[in-house]
Amino acid sequence: MKIAIPVNEKSLESNVCVSFGRTPYFLIYDTDTQKSVFLDNSAAASTGGAGIKAAQMIADNKVNILLTPRLGENAADVLKSAEIEIYKTTTASAKDNIDVFIAGKLPLLNEIHAGFHGHGGK
């Protein structure tokens, strides 16, 4: 299974980024191989639609699970259509969130916000 997490730095110890669409990187963690890959988020520099572009990038990388603190509805729609489950992170590191998820203790992300359309930033 592949898990994606928006992170501030290319490290398992990085904090989870609060902005899904504008995160600098995505950590893709494969639970089968226990290998981590970091993707540069090309959507971060977009003037609009960053969440949708980031969600499509996650889907294109055949991710099964997204761990994120929050998500806009347009990005959520892309992920749901790709059958990617979305879970709410804690304030801990990416690695801690992966461990908590694998232990079955992260809740599904149920609060999808309307997004920050037209705000072009953080």
C-alpha atoms as a PDB file:
ATOM      1  CA  MET A   1       0.000   0.000   0.000  1.00  0.00           C
ATOM      2  CA  LYS A   2       1.229   3.506  -0.806  1.00  0.00           C
ATOM      3  CA  ILE A   3       0.659   6.374   1.631  1.00  0.00           C
ATOM      4  CA  ALA A   4       1.104  10.056   0.690  1.00  0.00           C
ATOM      5  CA  ILE A   5       1.744  12.869   3.178  1.00  0.00           C
ATOM      6  CA  PRO A   6       2.357  16.588   2.484  1.00  0.00           C
ATOM      7  CA  VAL A   7       5.660  17.485   4.189  1.00  0.00           C
ATOM      8  CA  ASN A   8       7.765  20.607   4.702  1.00  0.00           C
ATOM      9  CA  GLU A   9      11.131  18.864   4.226  1.00  0.00           C
ATOM     10  CA  LYS A  10      12.477  15.760   2.469  1.00  0.00           C
ATOM     11  CA  SER A  11      12.667  13.751   5.697  1.00  0.00           C
ATOM     12  CA  LEU A  12      10.543  11.171   7.523  1.00  0.00           C
ATOM     13  CA  GLU A  13      11.064  13.352  10.597  1.00  0.00           C
ATOM     14  CA  SER A  14       9.569  16.392   8.816  1.00  0.00           C
ATOM     15  CA  ASN A  15       6.431  17.972  10.153  1.00  0.00           C
ATOM     16  CA  VAL A  16       3.290  17.420   8.128  1.00  0.00           C
ATOM     17  CA  CYS A  17       2.567  20.513   6.015  1.00  0.00           C
ATOM     18  CA  VAL A  18      -0.734  22.220   6.875  1.00  0.00           C
ATOM     19  CA  SER A  19      -1.388  23.095   3.235  1.00  0.00           C
ATOM     20  CA  PHE A  20      -2.057  20.108   0.973  1.00  0.00           C
ATOM     21  CA  GLY A  21      -2.019  21.967  -2.357  1.00  0.00           C
ATOM     22  CA  ARG A  22       0.890  24.269  -1.468  1.00  0.00           C
ATOM     23  CA  THR A  23       3.109  21.752   0.322  1.00  0.00           C
ATOM     24  CA  PRO A  24       6.718  21.832  -0.934  1.00  0.00           C
ATOM     25  CA  TYR A  25       6.927  18.017  -1.077  1.00  0.00           C
ATOM     26  CA  PHE A  26       4.912  14.850  -0.847  1.00  0.00           C
ATOM     27  CA  LEU A  27       6.289  11.848   0.974  1.00  0.00           C
ATOM     28  CA  ILE A  28       5.182   8.615  -0.695  1.00  0.00           C
ATOM     29  CA  TYR A  29       5.700   5.703   1.701  1.00  0.00           C
ATOM     30  CA  ASP A  30       5.288   2.118   0.521  1.00  0.00           C
ATOM     31  CA  THR A  31       4.201  -0.130   3.406  1.00  0.00           C
ATOM     32  CA  ASP A  32       5.225  -3.283   1.501  1.00  0.00           C
ATOM     33  CA  THR A  33       8.835  -2.256   0.794  1.00  0.00           C
ATOM     34  CA  GLN A  34       9.091   0.305   3.650  1.00  0.00           C
ATOM     35  CA  LYS A  35      10.723   2.689   1.173  1.00  0.00           C
ATOM     36  CA  SER A  36      10.133   6.431   1.027  1.00  0.00           C
ATOM     37  CA  VAL A  37      10.153   8.659  -2.034  1.00  0.00           C
ATOM     38  CA  PHE A  38       9.843  12.448  -1.962  1.00  0.00           C
ATOM     39  CA  LEU A  39       8.089  14.228  -4.814  1.00  0.00           C
ATOM     40  CA  ASP A  40       8.501  17.934  -5.490  1.00  0.00           C
ATOM     41  CA  ASN A  41       5.028  19.467  -5.564  1.00  0.00           C
ATOM     42  CA  SER A  42       4.948  21.278  -8.898  1.00  0.00           C
ATOM     43  CA  ALA A  43       1.429  22.529  -8.027  1.00  0.00           C
ATOM     44  CA  ALA A  44       2.759  24.685  -5.155  1.00  0.00           C
ATOM     45  CA  ALA A  45       3.654  27.533  -7.511  1.00  0.00           C
ATOM     46  CA  SER A  46       0.285  27.515  -9.295  1.00  0.00           C
ATOM     47  CA  THR A  47      -1.716  30.725  -9.203  1.00  0.00           C
ATOM     48  CA  GLY A  48      -4.896  28.663  -8.828  1.00  0.00           C
ATOM     49  CA  GLY A  49      -6.070  25.080  -8.644  1.00  0.00           C
ATOM     50  CA  ALA A  50      -3.066  23.915  -6.605  1.00  0.00           C
ATOM     51  CA  GLY A  51      -5.121  21.413  -4.619  1.00  0.00           C
ATOM     52  CA  ILE A  52      -6.596  19.827  -7.738  1.00  0.00           C
ATOM     53  CA  LYS A  53      -3.172  19.573  -9.413  1.00  0.00           C
ATOM     54  CA  ALA A  54      -1.598  18.142  -6.257  1.00  0.00           C
ATOM     55  CA  ALA A  55      -4.441  15.620  -5.894  1.00  0.00           C
ATOM     56  CA  GLN A  56      -3.982  14.523  -9.507  1.00  0.00           C
ATOM     57  CA  MET A  57      -0.254  14.057  -8.882  1.00  0.00           C
ATOM     58  CA  ILE A  58      -1.071  11.824  -5.881  1.00  0.00           C
ATOM     59  CA  ALA A  59      -3.539   9.807  -7.989  1.00  0.00           C
ATOM     60  CA  ASP A  60      -1.010   9.487 -10.846  1.00  0.00           C
ATOM     61  CA  ASN A  61       1.475   7.970  -8.395  1.00  0.00           C
ATOM     62  CA  LYS A  62      -1.003   5.185  -7.563  1.00  0.00           C
ATOM     63  CA  VAL A  63      -1.339   6.177  -3.916  1.00  0.00           C
ATOM     64  CA  ASN A  64      -3.947   4.326  -1.820  1.00  0.00           C
ATOM     65  CA  ILE A  65      -4.058   6.540   1.285  1.00  0.00           C
ATOM     66  CA  LEU A  66      -3.559  10.260   1.942  1.00  0.00           C
ATOM     67  CA  LEU A  67      -2.681  11.523   5.408  1.00  0.00           C
ATOM     68  CA  THR A  68      -3.261  15.284   5.685  1.00  0.00           C
ATOM     69  CA  PRO A  69      -4.449  17.811   8.292  1.00  0.00           C
ATOM     70  CA  ARG A  70      -7.014  19.399   5.954  1.00  0.00           C
ATOM     71  CA  LEU A  71      -8.205  19.365   2.373  1.00  0.00           C
ATOM     72  CA  GLY A  72     -10.290  21.480   0.008  1.00  0.00           C
ATOM     73  CA  GLU A  73     -13.401  20.036  -1.586  1.00  0.00           C
ATOM     74  CA  ASN A  74     -12.104  20.136  -5.192  1.00  0.00           C
ATOM     75  CA  ALA A  75      -8.957  18.221  -4.240  1.00  0.00           C
ATOM     76  CA  ALA A  76     -11.076  15.814  -2.175  1.00  0.00           C
ATOM     77  CA  ASP A  77     -13.303  15.155  -5.190  1.00  0.00           C
ATOM     78  CA  VAL A  78     -10.265  14.210  -7.319  1.00  0.00           C
ATOM     79  CA  LEU A  79      -8.951  11.892  -4.618  1.00  0.00           C
ATOM     80  CA  LYS A  80     -12.323  10.271  -3.976  1.00  0.00           C
ATOM     81  CA  SER A  81     -12.825   9.604  -7.690  1.00  0.00           C
ATOM     82  CA  ALA A  82      -9.414   7.868  -7.643  1.00  0.00           C
ATOM     83  CA  GLU A  83     -10.640   5.829  -4.626  1.00  0.00           C
ATOM     84  CA  ILE A  84      -7.946   7.246  -2.346  1.00  0.00           C
ATOM     85  CA  GLU A  85      -8.885   7.171   1.341  1.00  0.00           C
ATOM     86  CA  ILE A  86      -8.178  10.368   3.296  1.00  0.00           C
ATOM     87  CA  TYR A  87      -7.141  10.357   6.962  1.00  0.00           C
ATOM     88  CA  LYS A  88      -6.544  13.266   9.357  1.00  0.00           C
ATOM     89  CA  THR A  89      -2.996  13.684  10.633  1.00  0.00           C
ATOM     90  CA  THR A  90      -1.887  14.595  14.121  1.00  0.00           C
ATOM     91  CA  THR A  91       0.644  17.370  14.761  1.00  0.00           C
ATOM     92  CA  ALA A  92       3.477  14.826  14.896  1.00  0.00           C
ATOM     93  CA  SER A  93       6.112  14.022  12.259  1.00  0.00           C
ATOM     94  CA  ALA A  94       5.370  12.227   9.002  1.00  0.00           C
ATOM     95  CA  LYS A  95       6.904   9.028  10.405  1.00  0.00           C
ATOM     96  CA  ASP A  96       4.784   9.209  13.567  1.00  0.00           C
ATOM     97  CA  ASN A  97       1.640   9.679  11.465  1.00  0.00           C
ATOM     98  CA  ILE A  98       2.534   6.636   9.340  1.00  0.00           C
ATOM     99  CA  ASP A  99       3.053   4.553  12.487  1.00  0.00           C
ATOM    100  CA  VAL A 100      -0.249   5.725  13.997  1.00  0.00           C
ATOM    101  CA  PHE A 101      -2.065   5.029  10.705  1.00  0.00           C
ATOM    102  CA  ILE A 102      -0.598   1.512  10.439  1.00  0.00           C
ATOM    103  CA  ALA A 103      -1.720   0.910  14.044  1.00  0.00           C
ATOM    104  CA  GLY A 104      -5.250   1.820  12.904  1.00  0.00           C
ATOM    105  CA  LYS A 105      -5.523   4.892  15.113  1.00  0.00           C
ATOM    106  CA  LEU A 106      -5.856   7.806  12.656  1.00  0.00           C
ATOM    107  CA  PRO A 107      -9.419   9.024  11.993  1.00  0.00           C
ATOM    108  CA  LEU A 108     -10.855   9.555   8.531  1.00  0.00           C
ATOM    109  CA  LEU A 109     -10.797  13.223   7.473  1.00  0.00           C
ATOM    110  CA  ASN A 110     -14.461  14.189   7.481  1.00  0.00           C
ATOM    111  CA  GLU A 111     -14.165  17.975   7.565  1.00  0.00           C
ATOM    112  CA  ILE A 112     -13.531  19.039   3.986  1.00  0.00           C
ATOM    113  CA  HIS A 113     -13.333  22.824   3.624  1.00  0.00           C
ATOM    114  CA  ALA A 114     -14.523  24.878   0.661  1.00  0.00           C
ATOM    115  CA  GLY A 115     -10.939  25.591  -0.366  1.00  0.00           C
ATOM    116  CA  PHE A 116      -9.050  28.841  -0.697  1.00  0.00           C
ATOM    117  CA  HIS A 117     -10.070  29.584  -4.277  1.00  0.00           C
ATOM    118  CA  GLY A 118      -8.493  32.705  -5.638  1.00  0.00           C
ATOM    119  CA  HIS A 119      -6.298  33.332  -2.631  1.00  0.00           C
ATOM    120  CA  GLY A 120      -3.108  32.232  -4.421  1.00  0.00           C
ATOM    121  CA  GLY A 121      -1.088  31.557  -1.300  1.00  0.00           C
ATOM    122  CA  LYS A 122      -0.932  30.357   2.227  1.00  0.00           C
END
